[in-house]
C-alpha atoms as a PDB file:
ATOM      1  CA  MET A   1      77.349 -20.819 -24.472  1.00  0.00           C
ATOM      2  CA  GLN A   2      79.014 -18.850 -27.232  1.00  0.00           C
ATOM      3  CA  HIS A   3      79.064 -15.062 -27.256  1.00  0.00           C
ATOM      4  CA  SER A   4      79.293 -12.038 -29.518  1.00  0.00           C
ATOM      5  CA  ASP A   5      81.841  -9.289 -29.061  1.00  0.00           C
ATOM      6  CA  GLY A   6      79.948  -6.148 -28.068  1.00  0.00           C
ATOM      7  CA  THR A   7      80.791  -3.031 -26.160  1.00  0.00           C
ATOM      8  CA  VAL A   8      77.261  -1.991 -25.112  1.00  0.00           C
ATOM      9  CA  SER A   9      75.633  -5.402 -25.106  1.00  0.00           C
ATOM     10  CA  GLN A  10      76.971  -8.895 -25.415  1.00  0.00           C
ATOM     11  CA  PHE A  11      74.952 -11.732 -26.927  1.00  0.00           C
ATOM     12  CA  TYR A  12      75.298 -15.365 -25.918  1.00  0.00           C
ATOM     13  CA  ASN A  13      73.660 -18.343 -27.583  1.00  0.00           C
ATOM     14  CA  VAL A  14      72.315 -21.673 -26.374  1.00  0.00           C
ATOM     15  CA  GLY A  15      72.242 -23.947 -29.444  1.00  0.00           C
ATOM     16  CA  LEU A  16      70.692 -27.297 -30.283  1.00  0.00           C
ATOM     17  CA  PRO A  17      70.846 -29.522 -33.347  1.00  0.00           C
ATOM     18  CA  ALA A  18      68.452 -28.376 -36.073  1.00  0.00           C
ATOM     19  CA  LEU A  19      65.299 -30.374 -36.875  1.00  0.00           C
ATOM     20  CA  LYS A  20      66.300 -33.665 -35.215  1.00  0.00           C
ATOM     21  CA  GLY A  21      68.803 -34.577 -32.541  1.00  0.00           C
ATOM     22  CA  LEU A  22      70.100 -37.890 -31.280  1.00  0.00           C
ATOM     23  CA  ALA A  23      70.436 -38.661 -27.590  1.00  0.00           C
ATOM     24  CA  VAL A  24      71.219 -41.745 -25.578  1.00  0.00           C
ATOM     25  CA  ASP A  25      68.856 -42.347 -22.691  1.00  0.00           C
ATOM     26  CA  GLU A  26      71.327 -42.938 -19.867  1.00  0.00           C
ATOM     27  CA  ASP A  27      68.757 -44.944 -17.882  1.00  0.00           C
ATOM     28  CA  THR A  28      68.004 -47.477 -20.624  1.00  0.00           C
ATOM     29  CA  GLY A  29      70.945 -47.161 -23.014  1.00  0.00           C
ATOM     30  CA  ASP A  30      68.487 -46.669 -25.884  1.00  0.00           C
ATOM     31  CA  PHE A  31      68.941 -44.092 -28.627  1.00  0.00           C
ATOM     32  CA  VAL A  32      66.263 -41.398 -28.666  1.00  0.00           C
ATOM     33  CA  VAL A  33      65.521 -39.175 -31.644  1.00  0.00           C
ATOM     34  CA  ILE A  34      64.385 -35.762 -30.449  1.00  0.00           C
ATOM     35  CA  ASP A  35      62.369 -33.493 -32.721  1.00  0.00           C
ATOM     36  CA  THR A  36      64.206 -30.281 -31.822  1.00  0.00           C
ATOM     37  CA  CYS A  37      62.027 -28.231 -34.206  1.00  0.00           C
ATOM     38  CA  PRO A  38      58.527 -29.620 -33.608  1.00  0.00           C
ATOM     39  CA  GLY A  39      56.764 -26.690 -35.310  1.00  0.00           C
ATOM     40  CA  ALA A  40      58.961 -26.594 -38.414  1.00  0.00           C
ATOM     41  CA  GLY A  41      57.071 -26.594 -41.683  1.00  0.00           C
ATOM     42  CA  GLN A  42      58.306 -25.369 -45.038  1.00  0.00           C
ATOM     43  CA  CYS A  43      61.374 -23.860 -43.385  1.00  0.00           C
ATOM     44  CA  LYS A  44      62.834 -27.392 -43.339  1.00  0.00           C
ATOM     45  CA  LEU A  45      63.507 -26.995 -47.060  1.00  0.00           C
ATOM     46  CA  VAL A  46      65.828 -24.019 -46.606  1.00  0.00           C
ATOM     47  CA  CYS A  47      67.022 -24.431 -43.021  1.00  0.00           C
ATOM     48  CA  TYR A  48      70.303 -22.526 -42.706  1.00  0.00           C
ATOM     49  CA  ALA A  49      71.305 -24.669 -39.742  1.00  0.00           C
ATOM     50  CA  MET A  50      71.244 -27.767 -41.930  1.00  0.00           C
ATOM     51  CA  LYS A  51      73.934 -26.235 -44.126  1.00  0.00           C
ATOM     52  CA  GLY A  52      77.300 -24.576 -43.803  1.00  0.00           C
ATOM     53  CA  GLY A  53      79.220 -24.597 -40.547  1.00  0.00           C
ATOM     54  CA  TYR A  54      76.478 -26.381 -38.619  1.00  0.00           C
ATOM     55  CA  VAL A  55      77.085 -29.574 -40.581  1.00  0.00           C
ATOM     56  CA  GLN A  56      80.407 -28.820 -42.240  1.00  0.00           C
ATOM     57  CA  TRP A  57      82.366 -28.622 -38.996  1.00  0.00           C
ATOM     58  CA  LYS A  58      82.322 -31.750 -36.863  1.00  0.00           C
ATOM     59  CA  ALA A  59      82.978 -29.754 -33.675  1.00  0.00           C
ATOM     60  CA  THR A  60      79.773 -27.730 -34.087  1.00  0.00           C
ATOM     61  CA  SER A  61      77.470 -30.704 -34.605  1.00  0.00           C
ATOM     62  CA  LEU A  62      79.173 -32.676 -31.823  1.00  0.00           C
ATOM     63  CA  SER A  63      78.892 -29.734 -29.420  1.00  0.00           C
ATOM     64  CA  GLN A  64      75.182 -29.328 -30.115  1.00  0.00           C
ATOM     65  CA  THR A  65      74.607 -33.072 -29.780  1.00  0.00           C
ATOM     66  CA  ARG A  66      76.445 -33.148 -26.446  1.00  0.00           C
ATOM     67  CA  LEU A  67      74.334 -30.252 -25.161  1.00  0.00           C
ATOM     68  CA  LEU A  68      71.144 -32.008 -26.245  1.00  0.00           C
ATOM     69  CA  ASN A  69      72.220 -35.235 -24.515  1.00  0.00           C
ATOM     70  CA  PHE A  70      73.034 -33.339 -21.323  1.00  0.00           C
ATOM     71  CA  LEU A  71      69.706 -31.498 -21.456  1.00  0.00           C
ATOM     72  CA  TYR A  72      67.746 -34.685 -22.170  1.00  0.00           C
ATOM     73  CA  ASN A  73      69.363 -36.801 -19.445  1.00  0.00           C
ATOM     74  CA  ASP A  74      69.836 -34.225 -16.700  1.00  0.00           C
ATOM     75  CA  PRO A  75      67.818 -31.063 -17.352  1.00  0.00           C
ATOM     76  CA  ASP A  76      68.269 -29.732 -13.813  1.00  0.00           C
ATOM     77  CA  SER A  77      72.069 -29.967 -14.012  1.00  0.00           C
ATOM     78  CA  PHE A  78      71.995 -28.500 -17.516  1.00  0.00           C
ATOM     79  CA  MET A  79      70.072 -25.479 -16.257  1.00  0.00           C
ATOM     80  CA  ALA A  80      72.313 -25.206 -13.192  1.00  0.00           C
ATOM     81  CA  MET A  81      75.348 -25.113 -15.489  1.00  0.00           C
ATOM     82  CA  LEU A  82      73.727 -22.375 -17.584  1.00  0.00           C
ATOM     83  CA  ALA A  83      72.807 -20.446 -14.429  1.00  0.00           C
ATOM     84  CA  SER A  84      76.405 -20.613 -13.264  1.00  0.00           C
ATOM     85  CA  GLU A  85      77.688 -19.415 -16.648  1.00  0.00           C
ATOM     86  CA  ILE A  86      75.126 -16.616 -16.805  1.00  0.00           C
ATOM     87  CA  ALA A  87      75.915 -15.463 -13.262  1.00  0.00           C
ATOM     88  CA  ALA A  88      79.628 -15.236 -14.066  1.00  0.00           C
ATOM     89  CA  ILE A  89      78.997 -13.455 -17.369  1.00  0.00           C
ATOM     90  CA  GLU A  90      76.506 -11.035 -15.835  1.00  0.00           C
ATOM     91  CA  LYS A  91      78.902 -10.152 -13.012  1.00  0.00           C
ATOM     92  CA  LYS A  92      81.731  -9.480 -15.471  1.00  0.00           C
ATOM     93  CA  ASN A  93      79.513  -7.522 -17.857  1.00  0.00           C
ATOM     94  CA  GLN A  94      77.944  -5.401 -15.103  1.00  0.00           C
ATOM     95  CA  LYS A  95      81.386  -4.149 -14.094  1.00  0.00           C
ATOM     96  CA  LYS A  96      81.913  -2.990 -17.680  1.00  0.00           C
ATOM     97  CA  LYS A  97      78.336  -1.651 -17.979  1.00  0.00           C
ATOM     98  CA  ILE A  98      77.567  -4.166 -20.742  1.00  0.00           C
ATOM     99  CA  LYS A  99      74.065  -5.605 -21.115  1.00  0.00           C
ATOM    100  CA  THR A 100      73.933  -9.426 -21.159  1.00  0.00           C
ATOM    101  CA  ILE A 101      71.543 -10.943 -23.700  1.00  0.00           C
ATOM    102  CA  ILE A 102      70.897 -14.672 -24.072  1.00  0.00           C
ATOM    103  CA  ARG A 103      69.458 -16.133 -27.251  1.00  0.00           C
ATOM    104  CA  TRP A 104      67.878 -19.543 -27.053  1.00  0.00           C
ATOM    105  CA  HIS A 105      68.347 -21.579 -30.207  1.00  0.00           C
ATOM    106  CA  ASP A 106      70.008 -20.240 -33.272  1.00  0.00           C
ATOM    107  CA  ALA A 107      68.832 -23.701 -34.341  1.00  0.00           C
ATOM    108  CA  GLY A 108      66.133 -25.782 -32.705  1.00  0.00           C
ATOM    109  CA  ASP A 109      63.129 -24.784 -30.613  1.00  0.00           C
ATOM    110  CA  PHE A 110      61.495 -25.522 -27.279  1.00  0.00           C
ATOM    111  CA  PHE A 111      60.863 -29.200 -27.944  1.00  0.00           C
ATOM    112  CA  SER A 112      58.906 -29.886 -24.745  1.00  0.00           C
ATOM    113  CA  PRO A 113      56.797 -27.938 -22.258  1.00  0.00           C
ATOM    114  CA  GLU A 114      59.206 -28.956 -19.490  1.00  0.00           C
ATOM    115  CA  TYR A 115      62.151 -27.498 -21.374  1.00  0.00           C
ATOM    116  CA  LEU A 116      60.284 -24.227 -21.946  1.00  0.00           C
ATOM    117  CA  ASP A 117      59.348 -24.049 -18.256  1.00  0.00           C
ATOM    118  CA  LYS A 118      62.992 -24.498 -17.259  1.00  0.00           C
ATOM    119  CA  ALA A 119      64.088 -21.762 -19.665  1.00  0.00           C
ATOM    120  CA  TYR A 120      61.522 -19.376 -18.168  1.00  0.00           C
ATOM    121  CA  GLU A 121      62.564 -20.368 -14.642  1.00  0.00           C
ATOM    122  CA  LEU A 122      66.155 -19.533 -15.531  1.00  0.00           C
ATOM    123  CA  ALA A 123      65.121 -16.148 -16.930  1.00  0.00           C
ATOM    124  CA  ARG A 124      63.295 -15.319 -13.696  1.00  0.00           C
ATOM    125  CA  LYS A 125      66.533 -15.919 -11.765  1.00  0.00           C
ATOM    126  CA  PHE A 126      68.264 -13.225 -13.835  1.00  0.00           C
ATOM    127  CA  PRO A 127      65.880 -10.239 -14.116  1.00  0.00           C
ATOM    128  CA  ASN A 128      68.661  -7.948 -15.406  1.00  0.00           C
ATOM    129  CA  VAL A 129      69.528 -10.265 -18.282  1.00  0.00           C
ATOM    130  CA  ASP A 130      67.460 -10.176 -21.466  1.00  0.00           C
ATOM    131  CA  PHE A 131      66.466 -13.505 -23.018  1.00  0.00           C
ATOM    132  CA  TYR A 132      64.940 -14.096 -26.427  1.00  0.00           C
ATOM    133  CA  ALA A 133      64.030 -16.896 -28.792  1.00  0.00           C
ATOM    134  CA  TYR A 134      62.403 -17.549 -32.126  1.00  0.00           C
ATOM    135  CA  THR A 135      59.744 -20.241 -32.232  1.00  0.00           C
ATOM    136  CA  LYS A 136      57.461 -21.936 -34.681  1.00  0.00           C
ATOM    137  CA  LEU A 137      55.117 -23.088 -31.927  1.00  0.00           C
ATOM    138  CA  ALA A 138      51.989 -20.976 -31.552  1.00  0.00           C
ATOM    139  CA  GLY A 139      51.479 -21.950 -27.914  1.00  0.00           C
ATOM    140  CA  VAL A 140      54.970 -20.753 -27.044  1.00  0.00           C
ATOM    141  CA  ALA A 141      54.549 -17.494 -28.950  1.00  0.00           C
ATOM    142  CA  LYS A 142      51.178 -16.722 -27.372  1.00  0.00           C
ATOM    143  CA  GLY A 143      51.868 -18.061 -23.883  1.00  0.00           C
ATOM    144  CA  ALA A 144      52.761 -16.257 -20.690  1.00  0.00           C
ATOM    145  CA  LYS A 145      56.458 -15.611 -20.178  1.00  0.00           C
ATOM    146  CA  PRO A 146      58.752 -13.635 -17.894  1.00  0.00           C
ATOM    147  CA  ALA A 147      59.025  -9.907 -18.617  1.00  0.00           C
ATOM    148  CA  ASN A 148      62.694 -10.277 -19.609  1.00  0.00           C
ATOM    149  CA  PHE A 149      61.998 -13.026 -22.182  1.00  0.00           C
ATOM    150  CA  ILE A 150      60.995 -12.035 -25.717  1.00  0.00           C
ATOM    151  CA  ILE A 151      59.487 -14.687 -27.980  1.00  0.00           C
ATOM    152  CA  ASN A 152      59.293 -14.061 -31.727  1.00  0.00           C
ATOM    153  CA  PHE A 153      57.052 -16.235 -33.902  1.00  0.00           C
ATOM    154  CA  SER A 154      59.038 -17.265 -36.935  1.00  0.00           C
ATOM    155  CA  MET A 155      57.684 -17.785 -40.456  1.00  0.00           C
ATOM    156  CA  GLY A 156      57.868 -21.198 -42.086  1.00  0.00           C
ATOM    157  CA  ALA A 157      56.013 -23.062 -39.338  1.00  0.00           C
ATOM    158  CA  LEU A 158      53.554 -25.859 -39.906  1.00  0.00           C
ATOM    159  CA  PRO A 159      50.253 -24.493 -41.259  1.00  0.00           C
ATOM    160  CA  SER A 160      48.506 -25.755 -38.114  1.00  0.00           C
ATOM    161  CA  GLN A 161      50.779 -23.471 -36.054  1.00  0.00           C
ATOM    162  CA  GLU A 162      50.563 -20.444 -38.371  1.00  0.00           C
ATOM    163  CA  LYS A 163      46.742 -20.580 -38.356  1.00  0.00           C
ATOM    164  CA  GLN A 164      46.800 -19.955 -34.603  1.00  0.00           C
ATOM    165  CA  ILE A 165      48.799 -16.729 -34.875  1.00  0.00           C
ATOM    166  CA  ASP A 166      47.350 -13.254 -35.226  1.00  0.00           C
ATOM    167  CA  TYR A 167      50.381 -11.423 -36.611  1.00  0.00           C
ATOM    168  CA  SER A 168      49.002  -8.077 -35.408  1.00  0.00           C
ATOM    169  CA  GLN A 169      49.123  -9.386 -31.831  1.00  0.00           C
ATOM    170  CA  VAL A 170      52.215 -11.619 -31.793  1.00  0.00           C
ATOM    171  CA  LYS A 171      55.733 -10.493 -32.551  1.00  0.00           C
END
């Protein structure tokens, strides 16, 4: 996780490759292309994560690809690693009276129901930490979630997703 530098609150980010990611299935040795933004529509044309430092710097794209591979092949260990990092950060920040905030995906989205469930499970383990994400998936935006997890529906989704959203009811 990467973090901001705040005095009242400190933001951390869990990032994935934008639009598509490549993983190697460790059981079969096969390459797997993962649609990391399954609800992306017209936003694909102007995706900020497909430009600049996300693709310009090899370390950024490699880091996101490694995280995706870890998540794909061993989601329980991935979440355990995040839980360990969050616990250490929360302990340190509580001593300084700093609020810990975790953002899921400055690029990418919840690409599977299992992944979303694990993110929510992690949030429930840390009720004093705030979690948030942007999504282009109507089911994610409208679904039940832990009280400390804010989901924002993001413009530029597929029309089939946007049609399901009542913008007066969904953030």
